[in-house]
PDB file of all heavy atoms in Angstrom:
ATOM      1  N   HIS A   1      63.670  11.468 -26.714  1.00  0.00           N
ATOM      2  CA  HIS A   1      63.656  12.849 -26.236  1.00  0.00           C
ATOM      3  C   HIS A   1      64.047  12.868 -24.746  1.00  0.00           C
ATOM      4  O   HIS A   1      63.456  12.146 -23.935  1.00  0.00           O
ATOM      5  CB  HIS A   1      62.272  13.464 -26.424  1.00  0.00           C
ATOM      6  CG  HIS A   1      62.205  14.907 -26.001  1.00  0.00           C
ATOM      7  ND1 HIS A   1      61.020  15.570 -25.815  1.00  0.00           N
ATOM      8  CD2 HIS A   1      63.190  15.816 -25.736  1.00  0.00           C
ATOM      9  CE1 HIS A   1      61.255  16.824 -25.453  1.00  0.00           C
ATOM     10  NE2 HIS A   1      62.568  16.980 -25.392  1.00  0.00           N
ATOM     11  N   MET A   2      65.051  13.668 -24.415  1.00  0.00           N
ATOM     12  CA  MET A   2      65.425  13.889 -23.020  1.00  0.00           C
ATOM     13  C   MET A   2      65.385  15.389 -22.755  1.00  0.00           C
ATOM     14  O   MET A   2      66.045  16.174 -23.443  1.00  0.00           O
ATOM     15  CB  MET A   2      66.842  13.362 -22.716  1.00  0.00           C
ATOM     16  CG  MET A   2      67.243  13.589 -21.245  1.00  0.00           C
ATOM     17  SD  MET A   2      69.010  13.404 -20.919  1.00  0.00           S
ATOM     18  CE  MET A   2      69.655  14.904 -21.665  1.00  0.00           C
ATOM     19  N   ALA A   3      64.588  15.804 -21.775  1.00  0.00           N
ATOM     20  CA  ALA A   3      64.522  17.207 -21.349  1.00  0.00           C
ATOM     21  C   ALA A   3      65.172  17.309 -19.980  1.00  0.00           C
ATOM     22  O   ALA A   3      64.635  16.795 -18.991  1.00  0.00           O
ATOM     23  CB  ALA A   3      63.071  17.686 -21.306  1.00  0.00           C
ATOM     24  N   SER A   4      66.333  17.936 -19.899  1.00  0.00           N
ATOM     25  CA  SER A   4      67.078  17.992 -18.637  1.00  0.00           C
ATOM     26  C   SER A   4      67.776  19.350 -18.515  1.00  0.00           C
ATOM     27  O   SER A   4      67.440  20.313 -19.210  1.00  0.00           O
ATOM     28  CB  SER A   4      68.089  16.849 -18.572  1.00  0.00           C
ATOM     29  OG  SER A   4      68.714  16.809 -17.309  1.00  0.00           O
ATOM     30  N   GLY A   5      68.737  19.430 -17.627  1.00  0.00           N
ATOM     31  CA  GLY A   5      69.462  20.664 -17.361  1.00  0.00           C
ATOM     32  C   GLY A   5      69.487  20.957 -15.871  1.00  0.00           C
ATOM     33  O   GLY A   5      68.773  20.323 -15.073  1.00  0.00           O
ATOM     34  N   ASP A   6      70.315  21.925 -15.461  1.00  0.00           N
ATOM     35  CA  ASP A   6      70.424  22.185 -14.023  1.00  0.00           C
ATOM     36  C   ASP A   6      69.309  23.098 -13.524  1.00  0.00           C
ATOM     37  O   ASP A   6      69.292  23.457 -12.344  1.00  0.00           O
ATOM     38  CB  ASP A   6      71.801  22.765 -13.663  1.00  0.00           C
ATOM     39  CG  ASP A   6      71.941  24.222 -14.040  1.00  0.00           C
ATOM     40  OD1 ASP A   6      71.195  24.693 -14.919  1.00  0.00           O
ATOM     41  OD2 ASP A   6      72.815  24.887 -13.453  1.00  0.00           O
ATOM     42  N   ARG A   7      68.378  23.492 -14.411  1.00  0.00           N
ATOM     43  CA  ARG A   7      67.165  24.186 -13.976  1.00  0.00           C
ATOM     44  C   ARG A   7      66.006  23.209 -13.822  1.00  0.00           C
ATOM     45  O   ARG A   7      64.876  23.616 -13.554  1.00  0.00           O
ATOM     46  CB  ARG A   7      66.798  25.271 -14.991  1.00  0.00           C
ATOM     47  CG  ARG A   7      67.770  26.426 -15.042  1.00  0.00           C
ATOM     48  CD  ARG A   7      67.515  27.425 -13.932  1.00  0.00           C
ATOM     49  NE  ARG A   7      68.526  28.470 -13.904  1.00  0.00           N
ATOM     50  CZ  ARG A   7      68.513  29.499 -13.042  1.00  0.00           C
ATOM     51  NH1 ARG A   7      67.527  29.592 -12.172  1.00  0.00           N
ATOM     52  NH2 ARG A   7      69.464  30.396 -13.067  1.00  0.00           N
ATOM     53  N   ARG A   8      66.308  21.936 -14.016  1.00  0.00           N
ATOM     54  CA  ARG A   8      65.313  20.885 -13.872  1.00  0.00           C
ATOM     55  C   ARG A   8      65.824  19.872 -12.857  1.00  0.00           C
ATOM     56  O   ARG A   8      67.029  19.781 -12.630  1.00  0.00           O
ATOM     57  CB  ARG A   8      65.043  20.215 -15.224  1.00  0.00           C
ATOM     58  CG  ARG A   8      64.377  21.146 -16.237  1.00  0.00           C
ATOM     59  CD  ARG A   8      64.448  20.622 -17.632  1.00  0.00           C
ATOM     60  NE  ARG A   8      63.745  21.487 -18.586  1.00  0.00           N
ATOM     61  CZ  ARG A   8      63.845  21.383 -19.899  1.00  0.00           C
ATOM     62  NH1 ARG A   8      64.617  20.442 -20.436  1.00  0.00           N
ATOM     63  NH2 ARG A   8      63.168  22.212 -20.682  1.00  0.00           N
ATOM     64  N   PRO A   9      64.957  19.101 -12.243  1.00  0.00           N
ATOM     65  CA  PRO A   9      65.411  18.137 -11.231  1.00  0.00           C
ATOM     66  C   PRO A   9      66.449  17.168 -11.794  1.00  0.00           C
ATOM     67  O   PRO A   9      66.460  16.860 -13.000  1.00  0.00           O
ATOM     68  CB  PRO A   9      64.124  17.415 -10.830  1.00  0.00           C
ATOM     69  CG  PRO A   9      63.032  18.378 -11.155  1.00  0.00           C
ATOM     70  CD  PRO A   9      63.499  19.119 -12.382  1.00  0.00           C
ATOM     71  N   PHE A  10      67.286  16.679 -10.913  1.00  0.00           N
ATOM     72  CA  PHE A  10      68.356  15.777 -11.347  1.00  0.00           C
ATOM     73  C   PHE A  10      67.792  14.488 -11.936  1.00  0.00           C
ATOM     74  O   PHE A  10      68.422  13.855 -12.803  1.00  0.00           O
ATOM     75  CB  PHE A  10      69.260  15.459 -10.151  1.00  0.00           C
ATOM     76  CG  PHE A  10      70.465  14.636 -10.504  1.00  0.00           C
ATOM     77  CD1 PHE A  10      71.597  15.219 -11.042  1.00  0.00           C
ATOM     78  CD2 PHE A  10      70.461  13.253 -10.313  1.00  0.00           C
ATOM     79  CE1 PHE A  10      72.706  14.458 -11.380  1.00  0.00           C
ATOM     80  CE2 PHE A  10      71.571  12.490 -10.643  1.00  0.00           C
ATOM     81  CZ  PHE A  10      72.696  13.101 -11.189  1.00  0.00           C
ATOM     82  N   SER A  11      66.612  14.078 -11.504  1.00  0.00           N
ATOM     83  CA  SER A  11      66.019  12.832 -11.996  1.00  0.00           C
ATOM     84  C   SER A  11      65.651  12.899 -13.477  1.00  0.00           C
ATOM     85  O   SER A  11      65.363  11.864 -14.092  1.00  0.00           O
ATOM     86  CB  SER A  11      64.771  12.505 -11.172  1.00  0.00           C
ATOM     87  OG  SER A  11      63.830  13.572 -11.255  1.00  0.00           O
ATOM     88  N   SER A  12      65.667  14.100 -14.079  1.00  0.00           N
ATOM     89  CA  SER A  12      65.325  14.227 -15.501  1.00  0.00           C
ATOM     90  C   SER A  12      66.465  13.798 -16.403  1.00  0.00           C
ATOM     91  O   SER A  12      66.280  13.700 -17.618  1.00  0.00           O
ATOM     92  CB  SER A  12      64.942  15.677 -15.816  1.00  0.00           C
ATOM     93  OG  SER A  12      66.061  16.545 -15.635  1.00  0.00           O
ATOM     94  N   ARG A  13      67.632  13.545 -15.855  1.00  0.00           N
ATOM     95  CA  ARG A  13      68.793  13.217 -16.680  1.00  0.00           C
ATOM     96  C   ARG A  13      68.723  11.764 -17.136  1.00  0.00           C
ATOM     97  O   ARG A  13      68.245  10.880 -16.411  1.00  0.00           O
ATOM     98  CB  ARG A  13      70.086  13.476 -15.920  1.00  0.00           C
ATOM     99  CG  ARG A  13      70.211  14.941 -15.514  1.00  0.00           C
ATOM    100  CD  ARG A  13      71.559  15.281 -14.942  1.00  0.00           C
ATOM    101  NE  ARG A  13      71.616  16.700 -14.595  1.00  0.00           N
ATOM    102  CZ  ARG A  13      72.698  17.300 -14.130  1.00  0.00           C
ATOM    103  NH1 ARG A  13      73.823  16.620 -13.950  1.00  0.00           N
ATOM    104  NH2 ARG A  13      72.660  18.591 -13.849  1.00  0.00           N
ATOM    105  N   GLY A  14      69.258  11.541 -18.309  1.00  0.00           N
ATOM    106  CA  GLY A  14      69.246  10.189 -18.853  1.00  0.00           C
ATOM    107  C   GLY A  14      70.208   9.260 -18.156  1.00  0.00           C
ATOM    108  O   GLY A  14      69.969   8.046 -18.106  1.00  0.00           O
ATOM    109  N   GLU A  15      71.294   9.783 -17.643  1.00  0.00           N
ATOM    110  CA  GLU A  15      72.281   8.978 -16.932  1.00  0.00           C
ATOM    111  C   GLU A  15      72.504   9.597 -15.545  1.00  0.00           C
ATOM    112  O   GLU A  15      72.628  10.826 -15.421  1.00  0.00           O
ATOM    113  CB  GLU A  15      73.609   8.937 -17.692  1.00  0.00           C
ATOM    114  CG  GLU A  15      73.540   8.209 -19.016  1.00  0.00           C
ATOM    115  CD  GLU A  15      73.373   6.711 -18.831  1.00  0.00           C
ATOM    116  OE1 GLU A  15      73.992   6.156 -17.903  1.00  0.00           O
ATOM    117  OE2 GLU A  15      72.617   6.104 -19.618  1.00  0.00           O
ATOM    118  N   PRO A  16      72.572   8.803 -14.480  1.00  0.00           N
ATOM    119  CA  PRO A  16      72.731   9.345 -13.116  1.00  0.00           C
ATOM    120  C   PRO A  16      74.196   9.723 -12.818  1.00  0.00           C
ATOM    121  O   PRO A  16      74.846   9.129 -11.947  1.00  0.00           O
ATOM    122  CB  PRO A  16      72.246   8.191 -12.236  1.00  0.00           C
ATOM    123  CG  PRO A  16      72.589   6.966 -13.024  1.00  0.00           C
ATOM    124  CD  PRO A  16      72.393   7.336 -14.473  1.00  0.00           C
ATOM    125  N   VAL A  17      74.712  10.668 -13.558  1.00  0.00           N
ATOM    126  CA  VAL A  17      76.081  11.128 -13.368  1.00  0.00           C
ATOM    127  C   VAL A  17      76.055  12.646 -13.184  1.00  0.00           C
ATOM    128  O   VAL A  17      75.027  13.304 -13.386  1.00  0.00           O
ATOM    129  CB  VAL A  17      76.974  10.747 -14.571  1.00  0.00           C
ATOM    130  CG1 VAL A  17      77.138   9.239 -14.663  1.00  0.00           C
ATOM    131  CG2 VAL A  17      76.390  11.299 -15.868  1.00  0.00           C
ATOM    132  N   ARG A  18      77.203  13.210 -12.829  1.00  0.00           N
ATOM    133  CA  ARG A  18      77.250  14.635 -12.516  1.00  0.00           C
ATOM    134  C   ARG A  18      77.006  15.511 -13.734  1.00  0.00           C
ATOM    135  O   ARG A  18      76.453  16.602 -13.621  1.00  0.00           O
ATOM    136  CB  ARG A  18      78.600  14.984 -11.875  1.00  0.00           C
ATOM    137  CG  ARG A  18      79.776  14.855 -12.830  1.00  0.00           C
ATOM    138  CD  ARG A  18      81.063  15.354 -12.222  1.00  0.00           C
ATOM    139  NE  ARG A  18      82.119  15.403 -13.229  1.00  0.00           N
ATOM    140  CZ  ARG A  18      82.351  16.437 -14.016  1.00  0.00           C
ATOM    141  NH1 ARG A  18      81.599  17.516 -13.934  1.00  0.00           N
ATOM    142  NH2 ARG A  18      83.330  16.409 -14.901  1.00  0.00           N
ATOM    143  N   THR A  19      77.439  15.065 -14.928  1.00  0.00           N
ATOM    144  CA  THR A  19      77.216  15.834 -16.153  1.00  0.00           C
ATOM    145  C   THR A  19      75.906  15.416 -16.789  1.00  0.00           C
ATOM    146  O   THR A  19      75.316  14.393 -16.453  1.00  0.00           O
ATOM    147  CB  THR A  19      78.370  15.618 -17.142  1.00  0.00           C
ATOM    148  OG1 THR A  19      78.499  14.220 -17.409  1.00  0.00           O
ATOM    149  CG2 THR A  19      79.677  16.154 -16.577  1.00  0.00           C
ATOM    150  N   ILE A  20      75.463  16.236 -17.731  1.00  0.00           N
ATOM    151  CA  ILE A  20      74.212  15.931 -18.432  1.00  0.00           C
ATOM    152  C   ILE A  20      74.518  14.946 -19.560  1.00  0.00           C
ATOM    153  O   ILE A  20      75.320  15.245 -20.462  1.00  0.00           O
ATOM    154  CB  ILE A  20      73.586  17.217 -18.994  1.00  0.00           C
ATOM    155  CG1 ILE A  20      73.301  18.198 -17.844  1.00  0.00           C
ATOM    156  CG2 ILE A  20      72.312  16.903 -19.760  1.00  0.00           C
ATOM    157  CD1 ILE A  20      72.862  19.557 -18.313  1.00  0.00           C
ATOM    158  N   ALA A  21      73.939  13.778 -19.498  1.00  0.00           N
ATOM    159  CA  ALA A  21      74.219  12.720 -20.481  1.00  0.00           C
ATOM    160  C   ALA A  21      72.965  11.880 -20.682  1.00  0.00           C
ATOM    161  O   ALA A  21      72.098  11.795 -19.806  1.00  0.00           O
ATOM    162  CB  ALA A  21      75.389  11.845 -20.018  1.00  0.00           C
ATOM    163  N   THR A  22      72.888  11.261 -21.853  1.00  0.00           N
ATOM    164  CA  THR A  22      71.771  10.369 -22.156  1.00  0.00           C
ATOM    165  C   THR A  22      72.263   9.251 -23.066  1.00  0.00           C
ATOM    166  O   THR A  22      73.269   9.394 -23.771  1.00  0.00           O
ATOM    167  CB  THR A  22      70.618  11.144 -22.821  1.00  0.00           C
ATOM    168  OG1 THR A  22      69.495  10.272 -22.949  1.00  0.00           O
ATOM    169  CG2 THR A  22      71.012  11.658 -24.196  1.00  0.00           C
ATOM    170  N   ARG A  23      71.549   8.159 -23.073  1.00  0.00           N
ATOM    171  CA  ARG A  23      71.954   6.982 -23.853  1.00  0.00           C
ATOM    172  C   ARG A  23      71.227   6.972 -25.197  1.00  0.00           C
ATOM    173  O   ARG A  23      70.018   7.249 -25.253  1.00  0.00           O
ATOM    174  CB  ARG A  23      71.662   5.704 -23.071  1.00  0.00           C
ATOM    175  CG  ARG A  23      72.290   4.439 -23.639  1.00  0.00           C
ATOM    176  CD  ARG A  23      72.141   3.323 -22.624  1.00  0.00           C
ATOM    177  NE  ARG A  23      72.875   3.605 -21.398  1.00  0.00           N
ATOM    178  CZ  ARG A  23      73.933   2.904 -20.976  1.00  0.00           C
ATOM    179  NH1 ARG A  23      74.366   1.893 -21.706  1.00  0.00           N
ATOM    180  NH2 ARG A  23      74.525   3.223 -19.848  1.00  0.00           N
ATOM    181  N   LEU A  24      71.980   6.690 -26.282  1.00  0.00           N
ATOM    182  CA  LEU A  24      71.431   6.621 -27.639  1.00  0.00           C
ATOM    183  C   LEU A  24      71.576   5.198 -28.183  1.00  0.00           C
ATOM    184  O   LEU A  24      72.582   4.528 -27.893  1.00  0.00           O
ATOM    185  CB  LEU A  24      72.164   7.591 -28.572  1.00  0.00           C
ATOM    186  CG  LEU A  24      72.261   9.063 -28.140  1.00  0.00           C
ATOM    187  CD1 LEU A  24      73.061   9.849 -29.165  1.00  0.00           C
ATOM    188  CD2 LEU A  24      70.876   9.660 -27.962  1.00  0.00           C
ATOM    189  N   THR A  25      70.578   4.787 -28.962  1.00  0.00           N
ATOM    190  CA  THR A  25      70.638   3.482 -29.646  1.00  0.00           C
ATOM    191  C   THR A  25      70.539   3.719 -31.144  1.00  0.00           C
ATOM    192  O   THR A  25      69.551   4.294 -31.631  1.00  0.00           O
ATOM    193  CB  THR A  25      69.506   2.567 -29.180  1.00  0.00           C
ATOM    194  OG1 THR A  25      69.591   2.385 -27.770  1.00  0.00           O
ATOM    195  CG2 THR A  25      69.586   1.218 -29.880  1.00  0.00           C
ATOM    196  N   LEU A  26      71.568   3.284 -31.886  1.00  0.00           N
ATOM    197  CA  LEU A  26      71.609   3.454 -33.337  1.00  0.00           C
ATOM    198  C   LEU A  26      71.321   2.091 -33.991  1.00  0.00           C
ATOM    199  O   LEU A  26      72.136   1.168 -33.895  1.00  0.00           O
ATOM    200  CB  LEU A  26      72.972   3.973 -33.791  1.00  0.00           C
ATOM    201  CG  LEU A  26      73.248   5.471 -33.581  1.00  0.00           C
ATOM    202  CD1 LEU A  26      73.515   5.774 -32.101  1.00  0.00           C
ATOM    203  CD2 LEU A  26      74.470   5.908 -34.394  1.00  0.00           C
ATOM    204  N   PRO A  27      70.172   1.945 -34.642  1.00  0.00           N
ATOM    205  CA  PRO A  27      69.864   0.671 -35.315  1.00  0.00           C
ATOM    206  C   PRO A  27      70.858   0.406 -36.446  1.00  0.00           C
ATOM    207  O   PRO A  27      71.472   1.330 -36.986  1.00  0.00           O
ATOM    208  CB  PRO A  27      68.444   0.891 -35.854  1.00  0.00           C
ATOM    209  CG  PRO A  27      67.886   2.019 -35.036  1.00  0.00           C
ATOM    210  CD  PRO A  27      69.057   2.883 -34.714  1.00  0.00           C
ATOM    211  N   PRO A  28      71.032  -0.842 -36.853  1.00  0.00           N
ATOM    212  CA  PRO A  28      72.000  -1.161 -37.906  1.00  0.00           C
ATOM    213  C   PRO A  28      71.595  -0.562 -39.239  1.00  0.00           C
ATOM    214  O   PRO A  28      70.425  -0.591 -39.624  1.00  0.00           O
ATOM    215  CB  PRO A  28      71.995  -2.688 -37.931  1.00  0.00           C
ATOM    216  CG  PRO A  28      70.696  -3.096 -37.322  1.00  0.00           C
ATOM    217  CD  PRO A  28      70.366  -2.044 -36.313  1.00  0.00           C
ATOM    218  N   GLY A  29      72.562   0.054 -39.895  1.00  0.00           N
ATOM    219  CA  GLY A  29      72.370   0.571 -41.238  1.00  0.00           C
ATOM    220  C   GLY A  29      71.584   1.858 -41.300  1.00  0.00           C
ATOM    221  O   GLY A  29      71.268   2.316 -42.401  1.00  0.00           O
ATOM    222  N   GLU A  30      71.244   2.463 -40.187  1.00  0.00           N
ATOM    223  CA  GLU A  30      70.431   3.667 -40.210  1.00  0.00           C
ATOM    224  C   GLU A  30      71.261   4.920 -39.935  1.00  0.00           C
ATOM    225  O   GLU A  30      72.320   4.862 -39.309  1.00  0.00           O
ATOM    226  CB  GLU A  30      69.294   3.578 -39.184  1.00  0.00           C
ATOM    227  CG  GLU A  30      68.171   2.639 -39.607  1.00  0.00           C
ATOM    228  CD  GLU A  30      66.933   2.845 -38.756  1.00  0.00           C
ATOM    229  OE1 GLU A  30      66.924   3.804 -37.941  1.00  0.00           O
ATOM    230  OE2 GLU A  30      65.981   2.072 -38.903  1.00  0.00           O
ATOM    231  N   THR A  31      70.692   6.040 -40.391  1.00  0.00           N
ATOM    232  CA  THR A  31      71.286   7.350 -40.144  1.00  0.00           C
ATOM    233  C   THR A  31      70.316   8.155 -39.278  1.00  0.00           C
ATOM    234  O   THR A  31      69.150   8.348 -39.664  1.00  0.00           O
ATOM    235  CB  THR A  31      71.557   8.097 -41.458  1.00  0.00           C
ATOM    236  OG1 THR A  31      72.473   7.332 -42.249  1.00  0.00           O
ATOM    237  CG2 THR A  31      72.144   9.468 -41.178  1.00  0.00           C
ATOM    238  N   LEU A  32      70.786   8.585 -38.144  1.00  0.00           N
ATOM    239  CA  LEU A  32      69.967   9.339 -37.201  1.00  0.00           C
ATOM    240  C   LEU A  32      70.497  10.767 -37.059  1.00  0.00           C
ATOM    241  O   LEU A  32      71.704  11.010 -37.165  1.00  0.00           O
ATOM    242  CB  LEU A  32      69.944   8.671 -35.827  1.00  0.00           C
ATOM    243  CG  LEU A  32      69.423   7.220 -35.764  1.00  0.00           C
ATOM    244  CD1 LEU A  32      69.463   6.724 -34.337  1.00  0.00           C
ATOM    245  CD2 LEU A  32      68.017   7.121 -36.334  1.00  0.00           C
ATOM    246  N   THR A  33      69.596  11.690 -36.828  1.00  0.00           N
ATOM    247  CA  THR A  33      69.968  13.087 -36.579  1.00  0.00           C
ATOM    248  C   THR A  33      69.729  13.393 -35.096  1.00  0.00           C
ATOM    249  O   THR A  33      68.625  13.165 -34.580  1.00  0.00           O
ATOM    250  CB  THR A  33      69.136  14.046 -37.445  1.00  0.00           C
ATOM    251  OG1 THR A  33      69.374  13.742 -38.828  1.00  0.00           O
ATOM    252  CG2 THR A  33      69.514  15.489 -37.156  1.00  0.00           C
ATOM    253  N   VAL A  34      70.759  13.896 -34.440  1.00  0.00           N
ATOM    254  CA  VAL A  34      70.663  14.253 -33.012  1.00  0.00           C
ATOM    255  C   VAL A  34      70.603  15.773 -32.912  1.00  0.00           C
ATOM    256  O   VAL A  34      71.530  16.472 -33.326  1.00  0.00           O
ATOM    257  CB  VAL A  34      71.861  13.716 -32.207  1.00  0.00           C
ATOM    258  CG1 VAL A  34      71.725  14.117 -30.746  1.00  0.00           C
ATOM    259  CG2 VAL A  34      71.943  12.202 -32.338  1.00  0.00           C
ATOM    260  N   LEU A  35      69.472  16.257 -32.413  1.00  0.00           N
ATOM    261  CA  LEU A  35      69.284  17.696 -32.196  1.00  0.00           C
ATOM    262  C   LEU A  35      69.384  17.991 -30.699  1.00  0.00           C
ATOM    263  O   LEU A  35      68.916  17.198 -29.860  1.00  0.00           O
ATOM    264  CB  LEU A  35      67.912  18.142 -32.704  1.00  0.00           C
ATOM    265  CG  LEU A  35      67.641  18.035 -34.209  1.00  0.00           C
ATOM    266  CD1 LEU A  35      66.195  18.431 -34.501  1.00  0.00           C
ATOM    267  CD2 LEU A  35      68.598  18.907 -34.996  1.00  0.00           C
TER     268      LEU A  35
END
């Protein structure tokens, strides 16, 4: 879970870049849903 946005501090972002981004890990053979 990542809660971010430009109404929240920059430190809430998953990646320290100008756009809102976060890192995902997909285990082998699994199906994940990203909301």
